[in-house]
Amino acid sequence: MMSLPNVFWLLIIVFGVVGTFRGWAKEILVSFSLLLAIAIDRLLFTYVREVQFFLAPTAEPNITQFAIRAALVLVLAYFGYQTPSLQAFAGKVAREKLQDVLLGLVLGVLNGYLMVGTLWYYMQIANYPLTPYVLAPPDQEIAATTALYLNYMPPVLLGVPQIYFAIIGAFVFVIIVFI
């Protein structure tokens, strides 16, 4: 059995390889999609009382809470990965292939961190509802490492108001670069 920190790093490497092949222009849209998913989740849980009541943390595993939050992240990530080819960058990418590959790698790693880290955080908040497939850390040492990791996951680092600034920055970037 692999521990969650090992799976986390393995998936980040996989996302980095995918980002290398896709390039930075497509990967940046995925990053913005994942930031939007975190922002929507934060808005719903902060300002909508019905969502707060329905998806409140419980002592026992809560598959509904995890499924709704994970679905939001996965659906927006899916549409982020379904980007059309960006013809505006075709000439520039051909001239700067090494830079595109390296920036694609960095953004792929960032996307892996945003997606896998967010899903792991939601799984922990819902008390690991995917048992027997994904278990809470049984060993004290691994549990301490897991707790340390969870302090640096995207929903924790991108709280209010940081997530709002991230979304504003993403929209400014899209307006300046893509339009």
Protein backbone atom coordinates (compact mmCIF):
# COMPACT_ATOMS: atom_id res chain seq x y z
CA MET A 1 0.00 0.00 0.00
CA MET A 2 1.29 3.46 -0.91
CA SER A 3 0.98 6.37 1.46
CA LEU A 4 -0.92 9.47 0.36
CA PRO A 5 2.19 11.70 0.29
CA ASN A 6 3.82 9.25 -2.16
CA VAL A 7 0.73 9.20 -4.38
CA PHE A 8 0.61 13.00 -4.19
CA TRP A 9 4.19 13.39 -5.47
CA LEU A 10 3.75 10.69 -8.11
CA LEU A 11 0.70 12.45 -9.53
CA ILE A 12 2.47 15.82 -9.48
CA ILE A 13 5.24 14.29 -11.61
CA VAL A 14 2.64 12.88 -14.03
CA PHE A 15 0.94 16.28 -14.32
CA GLY A 16 4.36 17.87 -14.96
CA VAL A 17 5.02 15.47 -17.84
CA VAL A 18 1.58 16.19 -19.29
CA GLY A 19 2.23 19.93 -18.98
CA THR A 20 5.53 19.52 -20.80
CA PHE A 21 3.78 18.05 -23.81
CA ARG A 22 0.80 20.42 -23.79
CA GLY A 23 2.72 23.67 -23.42
CA TRP A 24 2.21 26.69 -21.22
CA ALA A 25 -0.61 28.35 -23.16
CA LYS A 26 -2.96 25.41 -22.65
CA GLU A 27 -1.80 24.66 -19.12
CA ILE A 28 -2.42 28.19 -17.90
CA LEU A 29 -6.10 27.84 -18.76
CA VAL A 30 -6.25 24.68 -16.64
CA SER A 31 -4.65 26.58 -13.75
CA PHE A 32 -7.29 29.28 -14.06
CA SER A 33 -10.05 26.64 -14.15
CA LEU A 34 -8.75 25.05 -10.95
CA LEU A 35 -8.46 28.44 -9.24
CA LEU A 36 -12.05 29.14 -10.27
CA ALA A 37 -13.18 25.81 -8.77
CA ILE A 38 -11.53 26.65 -5.45
CA ALA A 39 -13.08 30.14 -5.53
CA ILE A 40 -16.57 28.78 -6.22
CA ASP A 41 -16.19 26.27 -3.40
CA ARG A 42 -14.99 29.00 -1.03
CA LEU A 43 -17.87 31.30 -2.01
CA LEU A 44 -20.50 28.60 -1.58
CA PHE A 45 -19.19 27.49 1.80
CA THR A 46 -18.73 31.03 3.05
CA TYR A 47 -21.89 32.79 1.91
CA VAL A 48 -24.62 30.22 1.16
CA ARG A 49 -26.22 28.94 4.37
CA GLU A 50 -27.93 25.99 2.71
CA VAL A 51 -24.59 24.70 1.47
CA GLN A 52 -23.02 25.24 4.88
CA PHE A 53 -25.81 23.25 6.52
CA PHE A 54 -26.03 20.48 3.91
CA LEU A 55 -22.30 19.90 3.60
CA ALA A 56 -21.19 20.62 7.17
CA PRO A 57 -18.25 18.51 8.38
CA THR A 58 -19.27 15.46 10.41
CA ALA A 59 -17.42 13.01 12.62
CA GLU A 60 -18.11 10.06 10.31
CA PRO A 61 -17.06 9.86 6.64
CA ASN A 62 -19.25 12.06 4.44
CA ILE A 63 -19.24 10.83 0.84
CA THR A 64 -21.79 13.47 -0.26
CA GLN A 65 -19.60 16.36 0.85
CA PHE A 66 -16.55 14.90 -0.86
CA ALA A 67 -18.41 13.96 -4.05
CA ILE A 68 -19.90 17.43 -4.56
CA ARG A 69 -16.63 19.24 -3.91
CA ALA A 70 -14.60 16.79 -6.01
CA ALA A 71 -17.12 16.96 -8.85
CA LEU A 72 -16.80 20.74 -8.97
CA VAL A 73 -13.00 20.52 -9.21
CA LEU A 74 -13.00 17.67 -11.72
CA VAL A 75 -15.64 19.19 -14.00
CA LEU A 76 -13.86 22.54 -14.21
CA ALA A 77 -10.51 20.78 -14.70
CA TYR A 78 -12.03 18.70 -17.50
CA PHE A 79 -13.23 21.80 -19.32
CA GLY A 80 -9.88 23.47 -18.70
CA TYR A 81 -8.13 20.55 -20.38
CA GLN A 82 -10.56 20.68 -23.33
CA THR A 83 -9.12 23.97 -24.55
CA PRO A 84 -9.12 24.68 -28.25
CA SER A 85 -5.79 25.12 -29.99
CA LEU A 86 -4.63 28.66 -29.45
CA GLN A 87 -3.66 29.92 -32.89
CA ALA A 88 -2.47 33.28 -31.58
CA PHE A 89 0.57 31.60 -30.03
CA ALA A 90 1.43 29.20 -32.87
CA GLY A 91 4.24 31.30 -34.33
CA LYS A 92 5.68 32.30 -30.98
CA VAL A 93 5.68 28.73 -29.64
CA ALA A 94 7.59 27.49 -32.67
CA ARG A 95 10.37 30.03 -32.03
CA GLU A 96 10.62 29.46 -28.29
CA LYS A 97 10.20 25.68 -27.99
CA LEU A 98 12.51 25.16 -24.99
CA GLN A 99 10.90 27.97 -23.02
CA ASP A 100 7.43 26.62 -23.85
CA VAL A 101 8.40 23.14 -22.68
CA LEU A 102 9.93 24.36 -19.41
CA LEU A 103 7.05 26.69 -18.61
CA GLY A 104 4.61 23.89 -19.52
CA LEU A 105 6.43 21.65 -17.05
CA VAL A 106 6.17 24.25 -14.27
CA LEU A 107 2.50 24.90 -14.95
CA GLY A 108 1.79 21.17 -15.20
CA VAL A 109 3.34 20.68 -11.76
CA LEU A 110 1.27 23.62 -10.48
CA ASN A 111 -1.90 22.07 -11.94
CA GLY A 112 -1.06 18.74 -10.31
CA TYR A 113 -0.60 20.50 -6.99
CA LEU A 114 -3.85 22.41 -7.39
CA MET A 115 -5.93 19.40 -8.45
CA VAL A 116 -4.48 16.58 -6.36
CA GLY A 117 -3.86 18.77 -3.33
CA THR A 118 -7.39 20.11 -3.41
CA LEU A 119 -8.92 16.65 -3.76
CA TRP A 120 -6.75 15.30 -0.94
CA TYR A 121 -7.75 18.21 1.30
CA TYR A 122 -11.45 17.64 0.55
CA MET A 123 -11.01 13.94 1.25
CA GLN A 124 -9.48 14.71 4.63
CA ILE A 125 -12.24 17.21 5.48
CA ALA A 126 -14.83 14.53 4.65
CA ASN A 127 -12.95 11.99 6.88
CA TYR A 128 -11.69 9.80 4.02
CA PRO A 129 -15.04 8.59 2.68
CA LEU A 130 -13.45 6.33 0.04
CA THR A 131 -12.54 3.61 2.53
CA PRO A 132 -11.42 0.78 1.72
CA TYR A 133 -9.76 2.27 -1.38
CA VAL A 134 -8.19 5.30 0.27
CA LEU A 135 -7.50 5.03 3.98
CA ALA A 136 -6.67 7.62 6.56
CA PRO A 137 -3.02 7.35 7.62
CA PRO A 138 -2.83 4.52 10.19
CA ASP A 139 0.70 5.13 11.46
CA GLN A 140 1.41 8.09 13.77
CA GLU A 141 4.49 9.13 11.80
CA ILE A 142 2.65 9.07 8.48
CA ALA A 143 -0.32 10.85 10.08
CA ALA A 144 2.00 13.63 11.28
CA THR A 145 3.49 13.96 7.79
CA THR A 146 0.01 14.01 6.27
CA ALA A 147 -1.12 16.72 8.68
CA LEU A 148 1.93 18.77 7.73
CA TYR A 149 1.14 18.37 4.02
CA LEU A 150 -2.50 19.34 4.53
CA ASN A 151 -1.45 22.69 6.02
CA TYR A 152 -0.02 23.63 2.60
CA MET A 153 -2.81 22.45 0.31
CA PRO A 154 -4.47 24.95 -2.06
CA PRO A 155 -7.77 25.43 -0.17
CA VAL A 156 -5.80 26.34 2.95
CA LEU A 157 -3.30 28.65 1.26
CA LEU A 158 -5.92 30.22 -0.99
CA GLY A 159 -8.35 31.30 1.68
CA VAL A 160 -10.29 34.53 1.75
CA PRO A 161 -9.13 37.05 0.39
CA GLN A 162 -6.16 35.37 -1.38
CA ILE A 163 -8.40 33.36 -3.73
CA TYR A 164 -10.17 36.53 -4.82
CA PHE A 165 -6.86 38.17 -5.71
CA ALA A 166 -5.84 35.03 -7.61
CA ILE A 167 -9.04 35.08 -9.67
CA ILE A 168 -8.67 38.80 -10.37
CA GLY A 169 -5.08 38.23 -11.48
CA ALA A 170 -6.19 35.36 -13.73
CA PHE A 171 -8.80 37.50 -15.44
CA VAL A 172 -6.35 40.37 -15.91
CA PHE A 173 -3.87 37.91 -17.45
CA VAL A 174 -6.52 36.57 -19.82
CA ILE A 175 -7.58 40.05 -20.87
CA ILE A 176 -4.01 41.24 -21.47
CA VAL A 177 -2.47 38.15 -23.07
CA PHE A 178 -5.28 36.22 -24.77
CA ILE A 179 -7.40 39.07 -26.10
